[in-house]
């Protein structure tokens, strides 16, 4: 349903861009987002973007990460700048469109 791309290894201060493509057409009210789960921690919200364009960010990423979407491509992006070692986690794409869908996750590793 959701395929995520773009994870990898980057040095602290670097940037990465994650992409997530939905296999189904996005219609009506829907919310796409990114969550992450670090080793030994619970999954947490990173950012969401609604079909209206409204965005929401975790305090820990505000000013560094930008979420955007391309509805024509059924795709959501997460531009991550000024990465920190504490951003290391598996990042999961999420779609809410009457029900919830999860992608398979992509690993982001930030070295100090």
PDB file of N, CA and C in Angstrom:
ATOM      1  N   UNK A   1       0.814  -1.204   0.000  1.00  0.00           N
ATOM      2  CA  UNK A   1       0.000   0.000   0.000  1.00  0.00           C
ATOM      3  C   UNK A   1       0.853   1.262   0.000  1.00  0.00           C
ATOM      4  N   UNK A   2       1.911   1.249   0.857  1.00  0.00           N
ATOM      5  CA  UNK A   2       2.805   2.389   0.973  1.00  0.00           C
ATOM      6  C   UNK A   2       4.239   1.914   0.819  1.00  0.00           C
ATOM      7  N   UNK A   3       4.992   2.572  -0.042  1.00  0.00           N
ATOM      8  CA  UNK A   3       6.385   2.210  -0.267  1.00  0.00           C
ATOM      9  C   UNK A   3       7.262   3.402   0.035  1.00  0.00           C
ATOM     10  N   UNK A   4       8.160   3.231   1.002  1.00  0.00           N
ATOM     11  CA  UNK A   4       9.033   4.326   1.418  1.00  0.00           C
ATOM     12  C   UNK A   4      10.420   4.169   0.812  1.00  0.00           C
ATOM     13  N   UNK A   5      11.043   5.311   0.534  1.00  0.00           N
ATOM     14  CA  UNK A   5      12.382   5.349  -0.058  1.00  0.00           C
ATOM     15  C   UNK A   5      13.193   6.455   0.610  1.00  0.00           C
ATOM     16  N   UNK A   6      14.511   6.324   0.500  1.00  0.00           N
ATOM     17  CA  UNK A   6      15.372   7.453   0.825  1.00  0.00           C
ATOM     18  C   UNK A   6      16.174   7.361   2.105  1.00  0.00           C
ATOM     19  N   UNK A   7      16.000   6.325   2.868  1.00  0.00           N
ATOM     20  CA  UNK A   7      16.783   6.209   4.084  1.00  0.00           C
ATOM     21  C   UNK A   7      18.242   5.944   3.760  1.00  0.00           C
ATOM     22  N   UNK A   8      19.083   6.037   4.788  1.00  0.00           N
ATOM     23  CA  UNK A   8      20.496   5.778   4.582  1.00  0.00           C
ATOM     24  C   UNK A   8      21.326   6.286   5.732  1.00  0.00           C
ATOM     25  N   UNK A   9      22.631   6.326   5.495  1.00  0.00           N
ATOM     26  CA  UNK A   9      23.591   6.785   6.501  1.00  0.00           C
ATOM     27  C   UNK A   9      24.076   8.176   6.145  1.00  0.00           C
ATOM     28  N   UNK A  10      24.048   9.066   7.109  1.00  0.00           N
ATOM     29  CA  UNK A  10      24.476  10.437   6.878  1.00  0.00           C
ATOM     30  C   UNK A  10      25.185  10.948   8.125  1.00  0.00           C
ATOM     31  N   UNK A  11      26.109  11.861   7.934  1.00  0.00           N
ATOM     32  CA  UNK A  11      26.793  12.464   9.083  1.00  0.00           C
ATOM     33  C   UNK A  11      25.918  13.533   9.725  1.00  0.00           C
ATOM     34  N   UNK A  12      26.155  13.773  10.984  1.00  0.00           N
ATOM     35  CA  UNK A  12      25.435  14.828  11.689  1.00  0.00           C
ATOM     36  C   UNK A  12      25.597  16.149  10.937  1.00  0.00           C
ATOM     37  N   UNK A  13      24.486  16.871  10.834  1.00  0.00           N
ATOM     38  CA  UNK A  13      24.483  18.114  10.093  1.00  0.00           C
ATOM     39  C   UNK A  13      24.084  17.955   8.647  1.00  0.00           C
ATOM     40  N   UNK A  14      24.026  16.724   8.186  1.00  0.00           N
ATOM     41  CA  UNK A  14      23.673  16.457   6.801  1.00  0.00           C
ATOM     42  C   UNK A  14      22.173  16.431   6.570  1.00  0.00           C
ATOM     43  N   UNK A  15      21.806  16.058   5.341  1.00  0.00           N
ATOM     44  CA  UNK A  15      20.403  16.058   4.926  1.00  0.00           C
ATOM     45  C   UNK A  15      20.042  14.754   4.243  1.00  0.00           C
ATOM     46  N   UNK A  16      18.784  14.410   4.347  1.00  0.00           N
ATOM     47  CA  UNK A  16      18.207  13.286   3.616  1.00  0.00           C
ATOM     48  C   UNK A  16      16.787  13.654   3.233  1.00  0.00           C
ATOM     49  N   UNK A  17      16.304  13.040   2.155  1.00  0.00           N
ATOM     50  CA  UNK A  17      14.927  13.236   1.747  1.00  0.00           C
ATOM     51  C   UNK A  17      14.248  11.881   1.634  1.00  0.00           C
ATOM     52  N   UNK A  18      13.196  11.705   2.380  1.00  0.00           N
ATOM     53  CA  UNK A  18      12.409  10.484   2.318  1.00  0.00           C
ATOM     54  C   UNK A  18      11.202  10.700   1.401  1.00  0.00           C
ATOM     55  N   UNK A  19      10.837   9.640   0.709  1.00  0.00           N
ATOM     56  CA  UNK A  19       9.652   9.667  -0.136  1.00  0.00           C
ATOM     57  C   UNK A  19       8.789   8.463   0.202  1.00  0.00           C
ATOM     58  N   UNK A  20       7.503   8.622   0.051  1.00  0.00           N
ATOM     59  CA  UNK A  20       6.570   7.512   0.274  1.00  0.00           C
ATOM     60  C   UNK A  20       5.477   7.600  -0.769  1.00  0.00           C
ATOM     61  N   UNK A  21       5.316   6.519  -1.505  1.00  0.00           N
ATOM     62  CA  UNK A  21       4.322   6.468  -2.573  1.00  0.00           C
ATOM     63  C   UNK A  21       3.175   5.552  -2.157  1.00  0.00           C
ATOM     64  N   UNK A  22       1.962   6.058  -2.270  1.00  0.00           N
ATOM     65  CA  UNK A  22       0.774   5.257  -1.980  1.00  0.00           C
ATOM     66  C   UNK A  22       0.314   4.570  -3.261  1.00  0.00           C
ATOM     67  N   UNK A  23      -0.046   3.307  -3.108  1.00  0.00           N
ATOM     68  CA  UNK A  23      -0.461   2.543  -4.287  1.00  0.00           C
ATOM     69  C   UNK A  23      -1.875   2.880  -4.722  1.00  0.00           C
ATOM     70  N   UNK A  24      -2.634   3.486  -3.827  1.00  0.00           N
ATOM     71  CA  UNK A  24      -3.996   3.851  -4.184  1.00  0.00           C
ATOM     72  C   UNK A  24      -4.106   5.362  -4.319  1.00  0.00           C
ATOM     73  N   UNK A  25      -5.075   5.786  -5.108  1.00  0.00           N
ATOM     74  CA  UNK A  25      -5.282   7.205  -5.338  1.00  0.00           C
ATOM     75  C   UNK A  25      -5.799   7.845  -4.047  1.00  0.00           C
ATOM     76  N   UNK A  26      -5.246   8.994  -3.748  1.00  0.00           N
ATOM     77  CA  UNK A  26      -5.658   9.723  -2.551  1.00  0.00           C
ATOM     78  C   UNK A  26      -6.884  10.554  -2.879  1.00  0.00           C
ATOM     79  N   UNK A  27      -7.981  10.272  -2.194  1.00  0.00           N
ATOM     80  CA  UNK A  27      -9.227  10.985  -2.452  1.00  0.00           C
ATOM     81  C   UNK A  27      -9.824  11.448  -1.144  1.00  0.00           C
ATOM     82  N   UNK A  28     -10.591  12.524  -1.232  1.00  0.00           N
ATOM     83  CA  UNK A  28     -11.282  13.017  -0.051  1.00  0.00           C
ATOM     84  C   UNK A  28     -10.321  13.495   1.017  1.00  0.00           C
ATOM     85  N   UNK A  29     -10.832  13.483   2.229  1.00  0.00           N
ATOM     86  CA  UNK A  29     -10.021  13.910   3.366  1.00  0.00           C
ATOM     87  C   UNK A  29      -9.033  12.798   3.716  1.00  0.00           C
ATOM     88  N   UNK A  30      -7.774  13.149   3.761  1.00  0.00           N
ATOM     89  CA  UNK A  30      -6.763  12.167   4.110  1.00  0.00           C
ATOM     90  C   UNK A  30      -5.574  12.869   4.747  1.00  0.00           C
ATOM     91  N   UNK A  31      -4.810  12.120   5.471  1.00  0.00           N
ATOM     92  CA  UNK A  31      -3.620  12.639   6.137  1.00  0.00           C
ATOM     93  C   UNK A  31      -2.470  11.691   5.868  1.00  0.00           C
ATOM     94  N   UNK A  32      -1.382  12.227   5.402  1.00  0.00           N
ATOM     95  CA  UNK A  32      -0.162  11.449   5.213  1.00  0.00           C
ATOM     96  C   UNK A  32       0.871  11.926   6.223  1.00  0.00           C
ATOM     97  N   UNK A  33       1.707  11.026   6.654  1.00  0.00           N
ATOM     98  CA  UNK A  33       2.663  11.422   7.673  1.00  0.00           C
ATOM     99  C   UNK A  33       3.836  10.485   7.804  1.00  0.00           C
ATOM    100  N   UNK A  34       4.740  10.891   8.658  1.00  0.00           N
ATOM    101  CA  UNK A  34       5.924  10.105   8.976  1.00  0.00           C
ATOM    102  C   UNK A  34       6.006   9.929  10.491  1.00  0.00           C
ATOM    103  N   UNK A  35       6.311   8.724  10.869  1.00  0.00           N
ATOM    104  CA  UNK A  35       6.574   8.385  12.261  1.00  0.00           C
ATOM    105  C   UNK A  35       7.948   7.739  12.309  1.00  0.00           C
ATOM    106  N   UNK A  36       8.525   7.668  13.481  1.00  0.00           N
ATOM    107  CA  UNK A  36       9.811   6.998  13.607  1.00  0.00           C
ATOM    108  C   UNK A  36       9.899   6.222  14.898  1.00  0.00           C
ATOM    109  N   UNK A  37      10.745   5.210  14.864  1.00  0.00           N
ATOM    110  CA  UNK A  37      10.960   4.382  16.038  1.00  0.00           C
ATOM    111  C   UNK A  37      12.437   4.104  16.189  1.00  0.00           C
ATOM    112  N   UNK A  38      13.003   4.634  17.263  1.00  0.00           N
ATOM    113  CA  UNK A  38      14.404   4.395  17.578  1.00  0.00           C
ATOM    114  C   UNK A  38      14.522   3.103  18.387  1.00  0.00           C
ATOM    115  N   UNK A  39      15.683   2.484  18.390  1.00  0.00           N
ATOM    116  CA  UNK A  39      15.867   1.244  19.159  1.00  0.00           C
ATOM    117  C   UNK A  39      15.493   1.420  20.620  1.00  0.00           C
ATOM    118  N   UNK A  40      14.652   0.536  21.111  1.00  0.00           N
ATOM    119  CA  UNK A  40      14.258   0.579  22.504  1.00  0.00           C
ATOM    120  C   UNK A  40      13.235   1.640  22.856  1.00  0.00           C
ATOM    121  N   UNK A  41      12.737   2.337  21.850  1.00  0.00           N
ATOM    122  CA  UNK A  41      11.757   3.395  22.116  1.00  0.00           C
ATOM    123  C   UNK A  41      10.453   3.133  21.386  1.00  0.00           C
ATOM    124  N   UNK A  42       9.415   3.848  21.802  1.00  0.00           N
ATOM    125  CA  UNK A  42       8.135   3.713  21.135  1.00  0.00           C
ATOM    126  C   UNK A  42       8.122   4.517  19.838  1.00  0.00           C
ATOM    127  N   UNK A  43       7.245   4.121  18.965  1.00  0.00           N
ATOM    128  CA  UNK A  43       7.064   4.862  17.724  1.00  0.00           C
ATOM    129  C   UNK A  43       6.482   6.231  18.056  1.00  0.00           C
ATOM    130  N   UNK A  44       7.017   7.256  17.388  1.00  0.00           N
ATOM    131  CA  UNK A  44       6.566   8.612  17.660  1.00  0.00           C
ATOM    132  C   UNK A  44       6.272   9.357  16.365  1.00  0.00           C
ATOM    133  N   UNK A  45       5.407  10.333  16.496  1.00  0.00           N
ATOM    134  CA  UNK A  45       5.056  11.180  15.362  1.00  0.00           C
ATOM    135  C   UNK A  45       6.236  12.060  14.993  1.00  0.00           C
ATOM    136  N   UNK A  46       6.489  12.187  13.694  1.00  0.00           N
ATOM    137  CA  UNK A  46       7.481  13.139  13.198  1.00  0.00           C
ATOM    138  C   UNK A  46       6.773  14.336  12.571  1.00  0.00           C
ATOM    139  N   UNK A  47       5.920  14.053  11.587  1.00  0.00           N
ATOM    140  CA  UNK A  47       5.209  15.125  10.899  1.00  0.00           C
ATOM    141  C   UNK A  47       4.034  14.544  10.128  1.00  0.00           C
ATOM    142  N   UNK A  48       3.001  15.351   9.979  1.00  0.00           N
ATOM    143  CA  UNK A  48       1.860  14.968   9.159  1.00  0.00           C
ATOM    144  C   UNK A  48       1.462  16.126   8.261  1.00  0.00           C
ATOM    145  N   UNK A  49       0.811  15.771   7.159  1.00  0.00           N
ATOM    146  CA  UNK A  49       0.272  16.775   6.262  1.00  0.00           C
ATOM    147  C   UNK A  49      -1.086  16.288   5.784  1.00  0.00           C
ATOM    148  N   UNK A  50      -2.074  17.142   5.957  1.00  0.00           N
ATOM    149  CA  UNK A  50      -3.435  16.778   5.585  1.00  0.00           C
ATOM    150  C   UNK A  50      -3.693  17.109   4.121  1.00  0.00           C
ATOM    151  N   UNK A  51      -4.809  16.590   3.619  1.00  0.00           N
ATOM    152  CA  UNK A  51      -5.190  16.874   2.245  1.00  0.00           C
ATOM    153  C   UNK A  51      -5.442  18.363   2.042  1.00  0.00           C
ATOM    154  N   UNK A  52      -5.749  19.062   3.125  1.00  0.00           N
ATOM    155  CA  UNK A  52      -5.944  20.510   3.063  1.00  0.00           C
ATOM    156  C   UNK A  52      -4.620  21.259   2.930  1.00  0.00           C
ATOM    157  N   UNK A  53      -3.521  20.562   3.220  1.00  0.00           N
ATOM    158  CA  UNK A  53      -2.202  21.194   3.219  1.00  0.00           C
ATOM    159  C   UNK A  53      -1.708  21.554   4.611  1.00  0.00           C
ATOM    160  N   UNK A  54      -2.575  21.395   5.588  1.00  0.00           N
ATOM    161  CA  UNK A  54      -2.190  21.700   6.962  1.00  0.00           C
ATOM    162  C   UNK A  54      -1.126  20.718   7.444  1.00  0.00           C
ATOM    163  N   UNK A  55      -0.112  21.250   8.122  1.00  0.00           N
ATOM    164  CA  UNK A  55       0.994  20.418   8.594  1.00  0.00           C
ATOM    165  C   UNK A  55       1.102  20.444  10.120  1.00  0.00           C
ATOM    166  N   UNK A  56       1.747  19.409  10.621  1.00  0.00           N
ATOM    167  CA  UNK A  56       1.969  19.283  12.059  1.00  0.00           C
ATOM    168  C   UNK A  56       3.335  18.622  12.255  1.00  0.00           C
ATOM    169  N   UNK A  57       4.120  19.156  13.186  1.00  0.00           N
ATOM    170  CA  UNK A  57       5.462  18.636  13.411  1.00  0.00           C
ATOM    171  C   UNK A  57       5.692  18.343  14.889  1.00  0.00           C
ATOM    172  N   UNK A  58       6.506  17.344  15.148  1.00  0.00           N
ATOM    173  CA  UNK A  58       7.000  17.139  16.501  1.00  0.00           C
ATOM    174  C   UNK A  58       7.934  18.288  16.853  1.00  0.00           C
ATOM    175  N   UNK A  59       7.930  18.677  18.106  1.00  0.00           N
ATOM    176  CA  UNK A  59       8.777  19.790  18.532  1.00  0.00           C
ATOM    177  C   UNK A  59      10.252  19.529  18.217  1.00  0.00           C
ATOM    178  N   UNK A  60      10.648  18.274  18.306  1.00  0.00           N
ATOM    179  CA  UNK A  60      12.055  17.927  18.130  1.00  0.00           C
ATOM    180  C   UNK A  60      12.558  18.127  16.701  1.00  0.00           C
ATOM    181  N   UNK A  61      11.650  18.261  15.734  1.00  0.00           N
ATOM    182  CA  UNK A  61      12.077  18.399  14.338  1.00  0.00           C
ATOM    183  C   UNK A  61      11.673  19.734  13.728  1.00  0.00           C
ATOM    184  N   UNK A  62      10.930  20.533  14.454  1.00  0.00           N
ATOM    185  CA  UNK A  62      10.495  21.829  13.921  1.00  0.00           C
ATOM    186  C   UNK A  62      11.703  22.672  13.525  1.00  0.00           C
ATOM    187  N   UNK A  63      11.610  23.268  12.345  1.00  0.00           N
ATOM    188  CA  UNK A  63      12.691  24.096  11.858  1.00  0.00           C
ATOM    189  C   UNK A  63      13.774  23.334  11.127  1.00  0.00           C
ATOM    190  N   UNK A  64      13.756  22.010  11.222  1.00  0.00           N
ATOM    191  CA  UNK A  64      14.767  21.178  10.546  1.00  0.00           C
ATOM    192  C   UNK A  64      14.151  20.287   9.470  1.00  0.00           C
ATOM    193  N   UNK A  65      12.956  19.785   9.729  1.00  0.00           N
ATOM    194  CA  UNK A  65      12.286  18.884   8.793  1.00  0.00           C
ATOM    195  C   UNK A  65      11.123  19.616   8.118  1.00  0.00           C
ATOM    196  N   UNK A  66      10.878  19.243   6.862  1.00  0.00           N
ATOM    197  CA  UNK A  66       9.746  19.796   6.129  1.00  0.00           C
ATOM    198  C   UNK A  66       8.999  18.662   5.444  1.00  0.00           C
ATOM    199  N   UNK A  67       7.704  18.590   5.700  1.00  0.00           N
ATOM    200  CA  UNK A  67       6.873  17.593   5.046  1.00  0.00           C
ATOM    201  C   UNK A  67       6.111  18.263   3.908  1.00  0.00           C
ATOM    202  N   UNK A  68       5.973  17.537   2.805  1.00  0.00           N
ATOM    203  CA  UNK A  68       5.232  18.055   1.665  1.00  0.00           C
ATOM    204  C   UNK A  68       4.589  16.876   0.937  1.00  0.00           C
ATOM    205  N   UNK A  69       3.703  17.184   0.017  1.00  0.00           N
ATOM    206  CA  UNK A  69       3.027  16.114  -0.704  1.00  0.00           C
ATOM    207  C   UNK A  69       2.770  16.531  -2.133  1.00  0.00           C
ATOM    208  N   UNK A  70       2.696  15.526  -2.994  1.00  0.00           N
ATOM    209  CA  UNK A  70       2.344  15.718  -4.397  1.00  0.00           C
ATOM    210  C   UNK A  70       1.154  14.804  -4.660  1.00  0.00           C
ATOM    211  N   UNK A  71      -0.030  15.365  -4.656  1.00  0.00           N
ATOM    212  CA  UNK A  71      -1.234  14.551  -4.774  1.00  0.00           C
ATOM    213  C   UNK A  71      -1.328  13.860  -6.136  1.00  0.00           C
ATOM    214  N   UNK A  72      -0.802  14.484  -7.152  1.00  0.00           N
ATOM    215  CA  UNK A  72      -0.841  13.875  -8.484  1.00  0.00           C
ATOM    216  C   UNK A  72      -0.017  12.589  -8.533  1.00  0.00           C
ATOM    217  N   UNK A  73       0.984  12.516  -7.660  1.00  0.00           N
ATOM    218  CA  UNK A  73       1.859  11.342  -7.616  1.00  0.00           C
ATOM    219  C   UNK A  73       1.566  10.460  -6.412  1.00  0.00           C
ATOM    220  N   UNK A  74       0.537  10.796  -5.633  1.00  0.00           N
ATOM    221  CA  UNK A  74       0.199  10.031  -4.424  1.00  0.00           C
ATOM    222  C   UNK A  74       1.412   9.856  -3.523  1.00  0.00           C
ATOM    223  N   UNK A  75       2.179  10.920  -3.377  1.00  0.00           N
ATOM    224  CA  UNK A  75       3.467  10.838  -2.711  1.00  0.00           C
ATOM    225  C   UNK A  75       3.588  11.887  -1.617  1.00  0.00           C
ATOM    226  N   UNK A  76       4.213  11.485  -0.521  1.00  0.00           N
ATOM    227  CA  UNK A  76       4.557  12.407   0.548  1.00  0.00           C
ATOM    228  C   UNK A  76       6.072  12.388   0.715  1.00  0.00           C
ATOM    229  N   UNK A  77       6.623  13.546   1.022  1.00  0.00           N
ATOM    230  CA  UNK A  77       8.067  13.698   1.177  1.00  0.00           C
ATOM    231  C   UNK A  77       8.391  14.204   2.581  1.00  0.00           C
ATOM    232  N   UNK A  78       9.586  13.875   3.033  1.00  0.00           N
ATOM    233  CA  UNK A  78      10.092  14.433   4.273  1.00  0.00           C
ATOM    234  C   UNK A  78      11.523  14.880   4.025  1.00  0.00           C
ATOM    235  N   UNK A  79      11.708  16.178   3.945  1.00  0.00           N
ATOM    236  CA  UNK A  79      13.045  16.736   3.797  1.00  0.00           C
ATOM    237  C   UNK A  79      13.624  16.939   5.184  1.00  0.00           C
ATOM    238  N   UNK A  80      14.750  16.291   5.445  1.00  0.00           N
ATOM    239  CA  UNK A  80      15.355  16.337   6.772  1.00  0.00           C
ATOM    240  C   UNK A  80      16.707  17.030   6.659  1.00  0.00           C
ATOM    241  N   UNK A  81      16.833  18.159   7.307  1.00  0.00           N
ATOM    242  CA  UNK A  81      18.073  18.932   7.316  1.00  0.00           C
ATOM    243  C   UNK A  81      18.625  18.999   8.730  1.00  0.00           C
ATOM    244  N   UNK A  82      19.886  19.371   8.823  1.00  0.00           N
ATOM    245  CA  UNK A  82      20.557  19.512  10.124  1.00  0.00           C
ATOM    246  C   UNK A  82      20.328  18.279  10.994  1.00  0.00           C
ATOM    247  N   UNK A  83      20.534  17.142  10.406  1.00  0.00           N
ATOM    248  CA  UNK A  83      20.264  15.886  11.108  1.00  0.00           C
ATOM    249  C   UNK A  83      21.181  15.708  12.316  1.00  0.00           C
ATOM    250  N   UNK A  84      20.622  15.090  13.334  1.00  0.00           N
ATOM    251  CA  UNK A  84      21.332  14.837  14.588  1.00  0.00           C
ATOM    252  C   UNK A  84      21.373  13.334  14.848  1.00  0.00           C
ATOM    253  N   UNK A  85      22.330  12.872  15.612  1.00  0.00           N
ATOM    254  CA  UNK A  85      22.375  11.438  15.941  1.00  0.00           C
ATOM    255  C   UNK A  85      21.075  10.942  16.560  1.00  0.00           C
ATOM    256  N   UNK A  86      20.400  11.789  17.294  1.00  0.00           N
ATOM    257  CA  UNK A  86      19.130  11.368  17.920  1.00  0.00           C
ATOM    258  C   UNK A  86      17.988  11.226  16.921  1.00  0.00           C
ATOM    259  N   UNK A  87      18.222  11.598  15.675  1.00  0.00           N
ATOM    260  CA  UNK A  87      17.232  11.364  14.623  1.00  0.00           C
ATOM    261  C   UNK A  87      17.331   9.938  14.071  1.00  0.00           C
ATOM    262  N   UNK A  88      18.337   9.208  14.496  1.00  0.00           N
ATOM    263  CA  UNK A  88      18.500   7.828  14.038  1.00  0.00           C
ATOM    264  C   UNK A  88      17.302   6.985  14.447  1.00  0.00           C
ATOM    265  N   UNK A  89      16.674   6.350  13.460  1.00  0.00           N
ATOM    266  CA  UNK A  89      15.469   5.568  13.711  1.00  0.00           C
ATOM    267  C   UNK A  89      15.021   4.921  12.407  1.00  0.00           C
ATOM    268  N   UNK A  90      14.074   4.022  12.537  1.00  0.00           N
ATOM    269  CA  UNK A  90      13.345   3.547  11.368  1.00  0.00           C
ATOM    270  C   UNK A  90      12.169   4.497  11.171  1.00  0.00           C
ATOM    271  N   UNK A  91      12.065   5.040   9.984  1.00  0.00           N
ATOM    272  CA  UNK A  91      11.015   5.990   9.663  1.00  0.00           C
ATOM    273  C   UNK A  91       9.909   5.266   8.893  1.00  0.00           C
ATOM    274  N   UNK A  92       8.689   5.444   9.369  1.00  0.00           N
ATOM    275  CA  UNK A  92       7.532   4.786   8.780  1.00  0.00           C
ATOM    276  C   UNK A  92       6.598   5.816   8.158  1.00  0.00           C
ATOM    277  N   UNK A  93       6.168   5.505   6.962  1.00  0.00           N
ATOM    278  CA  UNK A  93       5.169   6.315   6.299  1.00  0.00           C
ATOM    279  C   UNK A  93       3.787   5.876   6.768  1.00  0.00           C
ATOM    280  N   UNK A  94       2.891   6.820   6.878  1.00  0.00           N
ATOM    281  CA  UNK A  94       1.538   6.542   7.372  1.00  0.00           C
ATOM    282  C   UNK A  94       0.525   7.287   6.526  1.00  0.00           C
ATOM    283  N   UNK A  95      -0.581   6.617   6.265  1.00  0.00           N
ATOM    284  CA  UNK A  95      -1.686   7.245   5.543  1.00  0.00           C
ATOM    285  C   UNK A  95      -2.973   6.958   6.291  1.00  0.00           C
ATOM    286  N   UNK A  96      -3.733   8.017   6.565  1.00  0.00           N
ATOM    287  CA  UNK A  96      -5.089   7.830   7.064  1.00  0.00           C
ATOM    288  C   UNK A  96      -6.047   8.289   5.971  1.00  0.00           C
ATOM    289  N   UNK A  97      -6.868   7.367   5.496  1.00  0.00           N
ATOM    290  CA  UNK A  97      -7.884   7.670   4.488  1.00  0.00           C
ATOM    291  C   UNK A  97      -9.028   6.721   4.776  1.00  0.00           C
ATOM    292  N   UNK A  98      -9.822   7.077   5.720  1.00  0.00           N
ATOM    293  CA  UNK A  98     -10.927   6.278   6.279  1.00  0.00           C
ATOM    294  C   UNK A  98     -10.410   5.107   7.110  1.00  0.00           C
ATOM    295  N   UNK A  99      -9.258   4.624   6.809  1.00  0.00           N
ATOM    296  CA  UNK A  99      -8.566   3.674   7.665  1.00  0.00           C
ATOM    297  C   UNK A  99      -7.082   3.950   7.595  1.00  0.00           C
ATOM    298  N   UNK A 100      -6.329   3.278   8.452  1.00  0.00           N
ATOM    299  CA  UNK A 100      -4.912   3.597   8.582  1.00  0.00           C
ATOM    300  C   UNK A 100      -4.055   2.574   7.857  1.00  0.00           C
ATOM    301  N   UNK A 101      -3.050   3.086   7.144  1.00  0.00           N
ATOM    302  CA  UNK A 101      -2.100   2.245   6.430  1.00  0.00           C
ATOM    303  C   UNK A 101      -0.688   2.609   6.872  1.00  0.00           C
ATOM    304  N   UNK A 102       0.177   1.594   6.922  1.00  0.00           N
ATOM    305  CA  UNK A 102       1.580   1.817   7.276  1.00  0.00           C
ATOM    306  C   UNK A 102       2.488   1.278   6.181  1.00  0.00           C
ATOM    307  N   UNK A 103       3.581   1.991   5.949  1.00  0.00           N
ATOM    308  CA  UNK A 103       4.617   1.497   5.060  1.00  0.00           C
ATOM    309  C   UNK A 103       5.565   0.590   5.820  1.00  0.00           C
ATOM    310  N   UNK A 104       6.556   0.068   5.100  1.00  0.00           N
ATOM    311  CA  UNK A 104       7.430  -0.937   5.690  1.00  0.00           C
ATOM    312  C   UNK A 104       8.575  -0.346   6.504  1.00  0.00           C
ATOM    313  N   UNK A 105       8.797   0.931   6.424  1.00  0.00           N
ATOM    314  CA  UNK A 105       9.861   1.570   7.184  1.00  0.00           C
ATOM    315  C   UNK A 105      11.156   1.663   6.412  1.00  0.00           C
ATOM    316  N   UNK A 106      11.868   2.734   6.652  1.00  0.00           N
ATOM    317  CA  UNK A 106      13.187   2.918   6.045  1.00  0.00           C
ATOM    318  C   UNK A 106      14.127   3.441   7.125  1.00  0.00           C
ATOM    319  N   UNK A 107      15.319   2.870   7.183  1.00  0.00           N
ATOM    320  CA  UNK A 107      16.259   3.188   8.254  1.00  0.00           C
ATOM    321  C   UNK A 107      17.053   4.442   7.938  1.00  0.00           C
ATOM    322  N   UNK A 108      17.073   5.337   8.896  1.00  0.00           N
ATOM    323  CA  UNK A 108      17.906   6.539   8.831  1.00  0.00           C
ATOM    324  C   UNK A 108      18.912   6.461   9.968  1.00  0.00           C
ATOM    325  N   UNK A 109      20.189   6.525   9.609  1.00  0.00           N
ATOM    326  CA  UNK A 109      21.251   6.476  10.602  1.00  0.00           C
ATOM    327  C   UNK A 109      22.079   7.742  10.490  1.00  0.00           C
ATOM    328  N   UNK A 110      22.195   8.458  11.592  1.00  0.00           N
ATOM    329  CA  UNK A 110      22.963   9.699  11.618  1.00  0.00           C
ATOM    330  C   UNK A 110      24.170   9.478  12.520  1.00  0.00           C
ATOM    331  N   UNK A 111      25.348   9.582  11.921  1.00  0.00           N
ATOM    332  CA  UNK A 111      26.578   9.366  12.677  1.00  0.00           C
ATOM    333  C   UNK A 111      27.100  10.682  13.249  1.00  0.00           C
ATOM    334  N   UNK A 112      27.717  10.587  14.398  1.00  0.00           N
ATOM    335  CA  UNK A 112      28.233  11.803  15.047  1.00  0.00           C
ATOM    336  C   UNK A 112      29.637  12.119  14.587  1.00  0.00           C
TER     337      UNK A 112
END
